[in-house]
Amino acid sequence: MEEIVKTTTMHLAWGIEVVAAFIIGLALMKALLHYFQGRLTQEEIRLKFGGSLALALEFLLGADILETAVAPTWNDIGQLAAIAVLRTALNYFLERELKRVEKREPASWVEGLMD
């Protein structure tokens, strides 16, 4: 029974990593498409792509937690802690940048309506 739980957990973690990679790949294709078609400004593309990266980081952190939960050693726990800190820091600064850009964009959008 324990082996079934371990195997299922590892497959679930792998599946989550695949979903994260798919999110990033799809976001990259959309960003490139928007860039070459000139539909959006570079800042709008960055905003959309950044949101996808933040989502993918959350998925990857969840996958790391699942992988470590199976049969953790102290080394595994230390690696998870380091990965969690790095990914959380990346996500924090990415979210902060996205919020900064979002706060600025509605004002310019409203100004565009007033012209």
C-alpha atoms as a PDB file:
ATOM      1  CA  MET A   1       0.000   0.000   0.000  1.00  0.00           C
ATOM      2  CA  GLU A   2       2.808   2.404   0.881  1.00  0.00           C
ATOM      3  CA  GLU A   3       4.492   1.751  -2.458  1.00  0.00           C
ATOM      4  CA  ILE A   4       1.233   2.559  -4.285  1.00  0.00           C
ATOM      5  CA  VAL A   5       0.974   5.884  -2.461  1.00  0.00           C
ATOM      6  CA  LYS A   6       4.613   6.721  -3.270  1.00  0.00           C
ATOM      7  CA  THR A   7       4.195   5.827  -6.941  1.00  0.00           C
ATOM      8  CA  THR A   8       0.919   7.730  -7.249  1.00  0.00           C
ATOM      9  CA  THR A   9       2.420  10.783  -5.568  1.00  0.00           C
ATOM     10  CA  MET A  10       5.467  10.758  -7.845  1.00  0.00           C
ATOM     11  CA  HIS A  11       3.260  10.425 -10.947  1.00  0.00           C
ATOM     12  CA  LEU A  12       1.064  13.268  -9.717  1.00  0.00           C
ATOM     13  CA  ALA A  13       4.135  15.466  -9.142  1.00  0.00           C
ATOM     14  CA  TRP A  14       5.380  14.628 -12.642  1.00  0.00           C
ATOM     15  CA  GLY A  15       1.962  15.496 -14.075  1.00  0.00           C
ATOM     16  CA  ILE A  16       1.980  18.846 -12.295  1.00  0.00           C
ATOM     17  CA  GLU A  17       5.443  19.587 -13.712  1.00  0.00           C
ATOM     18  CA  VAL A  18       4.163  18.763 -17.198  1.00  0.00           C
ATOM     19  CA  VAL A  19       1.224  21.142 -16.700  1.00  0.00           C
ATOM     20  CA  ALA A  20       3.627  23.895 -15.578  1.00  0.00           C
ATOM     21  CA  ALA A  21       5.819  23.331 -18.640  1.00  0.00           C
ATOM     22  CA  PHE A  22       2.722  23.403 -20.863  1.00  0.00           C
ATOM     23  CA  ILE A  23       1.601  26.707 -19.293  1.00  0.00           C
ATOM     24  CA  ILE A  24       5.008  28.265 -19.927  1.00  0.00           C
ATOM     25  CA  GLY A  25       5.201  26.907 -23.481  1.00  0.00           C
ATOM     26  CA  LEU A  26       1.702  28.099 -24.347  1.00  0.00           C
ATOM     27  CA  ALA A  27       2.377  31.515 -22.810  1.00  0.00           C
ATOM     28  CA  LEU A  28       5.600  31.809 -24.799  1.00  0.00           C
ATOM     29  CA  MET A  29       3.841  30.972 -28.061  1.00  0.00           C
ATOM     30  CA  LYS A  30       1.089  33.505 -27.312  1.00  0.00           C
ATOM     31  CA  ALA A  31       3.624  36.179 -26.380  1.00  0.00           C
ATOM     32  CA  LEU A  32       5.582  35.634 -29.576  1.00  0.00           C
ATOM     33  CA  LEU A  33       2.402  35.667 -31.637  1.00  0.00           C
ATOM     34  CA  HIS A  34       1.263  38.943 -30.072  1.00  0.00           C
ATOM     35  CA  TYR A  35       4.734  40.418 -30.457  1.00  0.00           C
ATOM     36  CA  PHE A  36       5.072  39.615 -34.156  1.00  0.00           C
ATOM     37  CA  GLN A  37       1.491  40.575 -34.955  1.00  0.00           C
ATOM     38  CA  GLY A  38       1.870  43.850 -33.068  1.00  0.00           C
ATOM     39  CA  ARG A  39      -1.475  43.379 -31.310  1.00  0.00           C
ATOM     40  CA  LEU A  40      -0.212  44.311 -27.871  1.00  0.00           C
ATOM     41  CA  THR A  41       2.459  46.586 -26.504  1.00  0.00           C
ATOM     42  CA  GLN A  42       5.591  45.012 -25.076  1.00  0.00           C
ATOM     43  CA  GLU A  43       4.426  45.890 -21.590  1.00  0.00           C
ATOM     44  CA  GLU A  44       1.064  44.174 -22.142  1.00  0.00           C
ATOM     45  CA  ILE A  45       2.874  41.098 -23.439  1.00  0.00           C
ATOM     46  CA  ARG A  46       5.160  41.119 -20.385  1.00  0.00           C
ATOM     47  CA  LEU A  47       2.134  41.407 -18.118  1.00  0.00           C
ATOM     48  CA  LYS A  48       0.362  38.426 -19.676  1.00  0.00           C
ATOM     49  CA  PHE A  49       3.530  36.325 -19.852  1.00  0.00           C
ATOM     50  CA  GLY A  50       4.454  37.236 -16.268  1.00  0.00           C
ATOM     51  CA  GLY A  51       1.062  36.097 -15.021  1.00  0.00           C
ATOM     52  CA  SER A  52       1.576  32.736 -16.716  1.00  0.00           C
ATOM     53  CA  LEU A  53       5.049  32.407 -15.195  1.00  0.00           C
ATOM     54  CA  ALA A  54       3.652  33.136 -11.733  1.00  0.00           C
ATOM     55  CA  LEU A  55       1.038  30.414 -12.194  1.00  0.00           C
ATOM     56  CA  ALA A  56       3.652  27.934 -13.433  1.00  0.00           C
ATOM     57  CA  LEU A  57       5.882  28.706 -10.427  1.00  0.00           C
ATOM     58  CA  GLU A  58       3.000  27.862  -8.096  1.00  0.00           C
ATOM     59  CA  PHE A  59       2.486  24.541  -9.850  1.00  0.00           C
ATOM     60  CA  LEU A  60       6.203  23.722  -9.710  1.00  0.00           C
ATOM     61  CA  LEU A  61       6.369  24.479  -6.006  1.00  0.00           C
ATOM     62  CA  GLY A  62       3.416  22.143  -5.444  1.00  0.00           C
ATOM     63  CA  ALA A  63       5.164  19.404  -7.426  1.00  0.00           C
ATOM     64  CA  ASP A  64       8.329  19.846  -5.350  1.00  0.00           C
ATOM     65  CA  ILE A  65       6.326  19.546  -2.146  1.00  0.00           C
ATOM     66  CA  LEU A  66       4.708  16.332  -3.377  1.00  0.00           C
ATOM     67  CA  GLU A  67       8.063  14.831  -4.383  1.00  0.00           C
ATOM     68  CA  THR A  68       9.554  15.600  -0.990  1.00  0.00           C
ATOM     69  CA  ALA A  69       6.503  14.342   0.927  1.00  0.00           C
ATOM     70  CA  VAL A  70       7.006  10.751  -0.248  1.00  0.00           C
ATOM     71  CA  ALA A  71      10.024   9.773   1.866  1.00  0.00           C
ATOM     72  CA  PRO A  72      12.016  12.839   2.776  1.00  0.00           C
ATOM     73  CA  THR A  73      15.580  12.799   3.993  1.00  0.00           C
ATOM     74  CA  TRP A  74      17.083  15.819   5.692  1.00  0.00           C
ATOM     75  CA  ASN A  75      18.879  16.568   2.445  1.00  0.00           C
ATOM     76  CA  ASP A  76      15.555  16.481   0.556  1.00  0.00           C
ATOM     77  CA  ILE A  77      13.958  18.791   3.099  1.00  0.00           C
ATOM     78  CA  GLY A  78      16.869  21.221   2.827  1.00  0.00           C
ATOM     79  CA  GLN A  79      16.650  21.222  -0.960  1.00  0.00           C
ATOM     80  CA  LEU A  80      12.894  21.782  -0.805  1.00  0.00           C
ATOM     81  CA  ALA A  81      13.399  24.683   1.593  1.00  0.00           C
ATOM     82  CA  ALA A  82      15.930  26.287  -0.756  1.00  0.00           C
ATOM     83  CA  ILE A  83      13.721  25.735  -3.798  1.00  0.00           C
ATOM     84  CA  ALA A  84      10.667  27.043  -1.952  1.00  0.00           C
ATOM     85  CA  VAL A  85      12.499  30.187  -0.875  1.00  0.00           C
ATOM     86  CA  LEU A  86      13.806  30.854  -4.390  1.00  0.00           C
ATOM     87  CA  ARG A  87      10.506  30.192  -6.139  1.00  0.00           C
ATOM     88  CA  THR A  88       8.548  32.159  -3.558  1.00  0.00           C
ATOM     89  CA  ALA A  89      10.945  35.094  -3.900  1.00  0.00           C
ATOM     90  CA  LEU A  90      10.695  34.950  -7.696  1.00  0.00           C
ATOM     91  CA  ASN A  91       6.935  34.799  -7.497  1.00  0.00           C
ATOM     92  CA  TYR A  92       6.789  37.650  -4.973  1.00  0.00           C
ATOM     93  CA  PHE A  93       8.832  40.015  -7.135  1.00  0.00           C
ATOM     94  CA  LEU A  94       7.005  38.941 -10.277  1.00  0.00           C
ATOM     95  CA  GLU A  95       3.610  39.558  -8.656  1.00  0.00           C
ATOM     96  CA  ARG A  96       4.828  42.906  -7.335  1.00  0.00           C
ATOM     97  CA  GLU A  97       5.922  43.942 -10.828  1.00  0.00           C
ATOM     98  CA  LEU A  98       2.618  42.776 -12.316  1.00  0.00           C
ATOM     99  CA  LYS A  99       0.628  44.765  -9.753  1.00  0.00           C
ATOM    100  CA  ARG A 100       2.749  47.839 -10.410  1.00  0.00           C
ATOM    101  CA  VAL A 101       2.087  47.586 -14.127  1.00  0.00           C
ATOM    102  CA  GLU A 102      -1.628  46.857 -13.633  1.00  0.00           C
ATOM    103  CA  LYS A 103      -2.061  49.931 -11.432  1.00  0.00           C
ATOM    104  CA  ARG A 104      -0.509  52.102 -14.087  1.00  0.00           C
ATOM    105  CA  GLU A 105      -2.390  50.619 -17.073  1.00  0.00           C
ATOM    106  CA  PRO A 106      -5.984  51.418 -16.048  1.00  0.00           C
ATOM    107  CA  ALA A 107      -5.093  55.080 -15.726  1.00  0.00           C
ATOM    108  CA  SER A 108      -3.672  55.196 -19.260  1.00  0.00           C
ATOM    109  CA  TRP A 109      -6.670  53.182 -20.528  1.00  0.00           C
ATOM    110  CA  VAL A 110      -9.081  55.693 -18.978  1.00  0.00           C
ATOM    111  CA  GLU A 111      -7.062  58.574 -20.387  1.00  0.00           C
ATOM    112  CA  GLY A 112      -7.370  56.929 -23.833  1.00  0.00           C
ATOM    113  CA  LEU A 113     -11.145  56.998 -23.494  1.00  0.00           C
ATOM    114  CA  MET A 114     -11.145  60.679 -22.611  1.00  0.00           C
ATOM    115  CA  ASP A 115      -9.199  61.692 -25.751  1.00  0.00           C
END
